[in-house]
Amino acid sequence: MPPPLPGNSHKRHESQTLSRTSIMPTSGVSANTNAAASAMSITKSRQYAHLHSQLAQLNAHLADTENLVRMTAVQAGDMRFLGGYIGGMFMGAAKVLGEEGVKASNNASNEGNENGNETAIKDE
């Protein structure tokens, strides 16, 4: 208690030194708050566990997706190679068949010209 000020003779009465009583019940409230806090912590723990399992599942799916993308990239390179290979085969086949077709066409046109000339001569 602070020392009294000079010239101030105010004294404390007994009623001023007693503590005030609270209007809220102490035992029931603390039990309810403890129960509510433990219920909240149980709920949060359950939610965190569920969130952790979902995160682990997401991580596993992400790893699977990464592997699939890697395999798709490898397969795309292989498809590019096969496309070039088949394209080369088609160009080679077109060149060979094109030359044979030109030779056959020339032979047919030569025979047609010879036959056409003969028929033109016969008609006269």
C-alpha atoms as a PDB file:
ATOM      1  CA  MET A   1       0.000   0.000   0.000  1.00  0.00           C
ATOM      2  CA  PRO A   2       1.426   3.382  -0.958  1.00  0.00           C
ATOM      3  CA  PRO A   3       2.399   5.742   1.823  1.00  0.00           C
ATOM      4  CA  PRO A   4      -0.299   8.267   2.757  1.00  0.00           C
ATOM      5  CA  LEU A   5       0.030  11.691   1.314  1.00  0.00           C
ATOM      6  CA  PRO A   6       0.696  14.487   3.777  1.00  0.00           C
ATOM      7  CA  GLY A   7      -2.454  16.239   4.829  1.00  0.00           C
ATOM      8  CA  ASN A   8      -4.640  13.434   3.604  1.00  0.00           C
ATOM      9  CA  SER A   9      -6.084  11.384   6.390  1.00  0.00           C
ATOM     10  CA  HIS A  10      -8.247   9.174   4.313  1.00  0.00           C
ATOM     11  CA  LYS A  11      -8.461   5.674   5.688  1.00  0.00           C
ATOM     12  CA  ARG A  12      -9.620   2.551   3.952  1.00  0.00           C
ATOM     13  CA  HIS A  13     -12.661   0.897   5.252  1.00  0.00           C
ATOM     14  CA  GLU A  14     -13.012  -2.846   5.506  1.00  0.00           C
ATOM     15  CA  SER A  15     -15.485  -3.006   2.643  1.00  0.00           C
ATOM     16  CA  GLN A  16     -12.947  -1.434   0.347  1.00  0.00           C
ATOM     17  CA  THR A  17     -10.359  -4.115   1.003  1.00  0.00           C
ATOM     18  CA  LEU A  18     -12.625  -7.107   0.240  1.00  0.00           C
ATOM     19  CA  SER A  19     -12.600  -8.423  -3.267  1.00  0.00           C
ATOM     20  CA  ARG A  20     -15.721  -8.359  -5.313  1.00  0.00           C
ATOM     21  CA  THR A  21     -17.457 -11.564  -6.131  1.00  0.00           C
ATOM     22  CA  SER A  22     -18.114 -12.473  -9.745  1.00  0.00           C
ATOM     23  CA  ILE A  23     -21.612 -13.125 -10.950  1.00  0.00           C
ATOM     24  CA  MET A  24     -20.414 -15.915 -13.270  1.00  0.00           C
ATOM     25  CA  PRO A  25     -20.116 -19.392 -11.816  1.00  0.00           C
ATOM     26  CA  THR A  26     -16.477 -20.429 -11.810  1.00  0.00           C
ATOM     27  CA  SER A  27     -16.536 -24.212 -11.646  1.00  0.00           C
ATOM     28  CA  GLY A  28     -19.160 -24.875 -14.351  1.00  0.00           C
ATOM     29  CA  VAL A  29     -17.721 -22.392 -16.810  1.00  0.00           C
ATOM     30  CA  SER A  30     -14.188 -23.680 -16.571  1.00  0.00           C
ATOM     31  CA  ALA A  31     -15.416 -27.247 -17.029  1.00  0.00           C
ATOM     32  CA  ASN A  32     -17.496 -26.218 -20.046  1.00  0.00           C
ATOM     33  CA  THR A  33     -14.658 -24.230 -21.559  1.00  0.00           C
ATOM     34  CA  ASN A  34     -12.245 -27.108 -21.000  1.00  0.00           C
ATOM     35  CA  ALA A  35     -14.713 -29.518 -22.602  1.00  0.00           C
ATOM     36  CA  ALA A  36     -15.310 -27.119 -25.491  1.00  0.00           C
ATOM     37  CA  ALA A  37     -11.585 -26.571 -25.935  1.00  0.00           C
ATOM     38  CA  SER A  38     -10.886 -30.299 -25.929  1.00  0.00           C
ATOM     39  CA  ALA A  39     -13.750 -30.876 -28.370  1.00  0.00           C
ATOM     40  CA  MET A  40     -12.311 -28.166 -30.613  1.00  0.00           C
ATOM     41  CA  SER A  41      -8.849 -29.672 -30.376  1.00  0.00           C
ATOM     42  CA  ILE A  42     -10.206 -33.146 -31.204  1.00  0.00           C
ATOM     43  CA  THR A  43     -12.099 -31.727 -34.183  1.00  0.00           C
ATOM     44  CA  LYS A  44      -9.076 -29.782 -35.349  1.00  0.00           C
ATOM     45  CA  SER A  45      -6.851 -32.823 -34.931  1.00  0.00           C
ATOM     46  CA  ARG A  46      -9.256 -34.897 -37.000  1.00  0.00           C
ATOM     47  CA  GLN A  47      -9.445 -32.188 -39.675  1.00  0.00           C
ATOM     48  CA  TYR A  48      -5.664 -31.857 -39.769  1.00  0.00           C
ATOM     49  CA  ALA A  49      -5.295 -35.627 -40.089  1.00  0.00           C
ATOM     50  CA  HIS A  50      -7.805 -35.642 -42.961  1.00  0.00           C
ATOM     51  CA  LEU A  51      -6.027 -32.726 -44.603  1.00  0.00           C
ATOM     52  CA  HIS A  52      -2.697 -34.518 -44.224  1.00  0.00           C
ATOM     53  CA  SER A  53      -4.070 -37.665 -45.877  1.00  0.00           C
ATOM     54  CA  GLN A  54      -5.526 -35.614 -48.736  1.00  0.00           C
ATOM     55  CA  LEU A  55      -2.210 -33.844 -49.185  1.00  0.00           C
ATOM     56  CA  ALA A  56      -0.381 -37.182 -49.298  1.00  0.00           C
ATOM     57  CA  GLN A  57      -2.863 -38.462 -51.889  1.00  0.00           C
ATOM     58  CA  LEU A  58      -2.442 -35.277 -53.941  1.00  0.00           C
ATOM     59  CA  ASN A  59       1.322 -35.667 -53.787  1.00  0.00           C
ATOM     60  CA  ALA A  60       1.043 -39.276 -55.013  1.00  0.00           C
ATOM     61  CA  HIS A  61      -1.229 -38.245 -57.887  1.00  0.00           C
ATOM     62  CA  LEU A  62       1.159 -35.444 -58.792  1.00  0.00           C
ATOM     63  CA  ALA A  63       4.062 -37.904 -58.924  1.00  0.00           C
ATOM     64  CA  ASP A  64       1.995 -40.202 -61.172  1.00  0.00           C
ATOM     65  CA  THR A  65       1.135 -37.292 -63.443  1.00  0.00           C
ATOM     66  CA  GLU A  66       4.781 -36.277 -63.629  1.00  0.00           C
ATOM     67  CA  ASN A  67       5.745 -39.819 -64.690  1.00  0.00           C
ATOM     68  CA  LEU A  68       2.980 -39.877 -67.311  1.00  0.00           C
ATOM     69  CA  VAL A  69       4.087 -36.536 -68.747  1.00  0.00           C
ATOM     70  CA  ARG A  70       7.682 -37.764 -68.904  1.00  0.00           C
ATOM     71  CA  MET A  71       6.607 -40.946 -70.719  1.00  0.00           C
ATOM     72  CA  THR A  72       4.412 -38.918 -73.087  1.00  0.00           C
ATOM     73  CA  ALA A  73       7.385 -36.714 -73.962  1.00  0.00           C
ATOM     74  CA  VAL A  74       9.507 -39.795 -74.731  1.00  0.00           C
ATOM     75  CA  GLN A  75       6.723 -41.296 -76.824  1.00  0.00           C
ATOM     76  CA  ALA A  76       6.243 -38.003 -78.694  1.00  0.00           C
ATOM     77  CA  GLY A  77       9.918 -38.097 -79.677  1.00  0.00           C
ATOM     78  CA  ASP A  78       9.545 -41.696 -80.841  1.00  0.00           C
ATOM     79  CA  MET A  79       6.425 -40.791 -82.846  1.00  0.00           C
ATOM     80  CA  ARG A  80       8.345 -37.978 -84.499  1.00  0.00           C
ATOM     81  CA  PHE A  81      11.061 -40.430 -85.502  1.00  0.00           C
ATOM     82  CA  LEU A  82       8.499 -42.907 -86.852  1.00  0.00           C
ATOM     83  CA  GLY A  83       6.720 -40.133 -88.750  1.00  0.00           C
ATOM     84  CA  GLY A  84       9.974 -39.144 -90.445  1.00  0.00           C
ATOM     85  CA  TYR A  85      10.793 -42.758 -91.198  1.00  0.00           C
ATOM     86  CA  ILE A  86       7.375 -43.486 -92.717  1.00  0.00           C
ATOM     87  CA  GLY A  87       7.445 -40.177 -94.602  1.00  0.00           C
ATOM     88  CA  GLY A  88      10.782 -41.173 -96.121  1.00  0.00           C
ATOM     89  CA  MET A  89       9.360 -44.545 -97.089  1.00  0.00           C
ATOM     90  CA  PHE A  90       6.385 -42.874 -98.785  1.00  0.00           C
ATOM     91  CA  MET A  91       8.624 -40.452-100.646  1.00  0.00           C
ATOM     92  CA  GLY A  92      10.855 -43.330-101.796  1.00  0.00           C
ATOM     93  CA  ALA A  93       7.849 -45.384-102.857  1.00  0.00           C
ATOM     94  CA  ALA A  94       6.343 -42.399-104.683  1.00  0.00           C
ATOM     95  CA  LYS A  95       9.620 -41.837-106.510  1.00  0.00           C
ATOM     96  CA  VAL A  96       9.920 -45.477-107.565  1.00  0.00           C
ATOM     97  CA  LEU A  97       6.267 -45.814-108.496  1.00  0.00           C
ATOM     98  CA  GLY A  98       6.288 -42.388-110.077  1.00  0.00           C
ATOM     99  CA  GLU A  99       9.158 -43.350-112.372  1.00  0.00           C
ATOM    100  CA  GLU A 100       7.424 -46.594-113.288  1.00  0.00           C
ATOM    101  CA  GLY A 101       4.231 -44.673-113.862  1.00  0.00           C
ATOM    102  CA  VAL A 102       6.040 -42.194-116.100  1.00  0.00           C
ATOM    103  CA  LYS A 103       7.636 -45.033-118.062  1.00  0.00           C
ATOM    104  CA  ALA A 104       4.295 -46.795-118.372  1.00  0.00           C
ATOM    105  CA  SER A 105       2.635 -43.556-119.358  1.00  0.00           C
ATOM    106  CA  ASN A 106       5.291 -42.872-121.973  1.00  0.00           C
ATOM    107  CA  ASN A 107       4.962 -46.384-123.326  1.00  0.00           C
ATOM    108  CA  ALA A 108       1.193 -46.099-123.408  1.00  0.00           C
ATOM    109  CA  SER A 109       1.318 -42.715-125.096  1.00  0.00           C
ATOM    110  CA  ASN A 110       3.891 -43.955-127.598  1.00  0.00           C
ATOM    111  CA  GLU A 111       1.751 -46.980-128.362  1.00  0.00           C
ATOM    112  CA  GLY A 112      -1.303 -44.759-128.498  1.00  0.00           C
ATOM    113  CA  ASN A 113       0.428 -42.420-130.917  1.00  0.00           C
ATOM    114  CA  GLU A 114       1.531 -45.336-133.040  1.00  0.00           C
ATOM    115  CA  ASN A 115      -1.928 -46.874-132.919  1.00  0.00           C
ATOM    116  CA  GLY A 116      -3.527 -43.511-133.376  1.00  0.00           C
ATOM    117  CA  ASN A 117      -1.396 -42.856-136.441  1.00  0.00           C
ATOM    118  CA  GLU A 118      -2.216 -46.285-137.839  1.00  0.00           C
ATOM    119  CA  THR A 119      -5.916 -45.780-137.315  1.00  0.00           C
ATOM    120  CA  ALA A 120      -5.678 -42.321-138.787  1.00  0.00           C
ATOM    121  CA  ILE A 121      -3.933 -43.783-141.839  1.00  0.00           C
ATOM    122  CA  LYS A 122      -6.484 -46.585-142.150  1.00  0.00           C
ATOM    123  CA  ASP A 123      -9.366 -44.120-142.063  1.00  0.00           C
ATOM    124  CA  GLU A 124      -8.026 -42.232-145.038  1.00  0.00           C
END
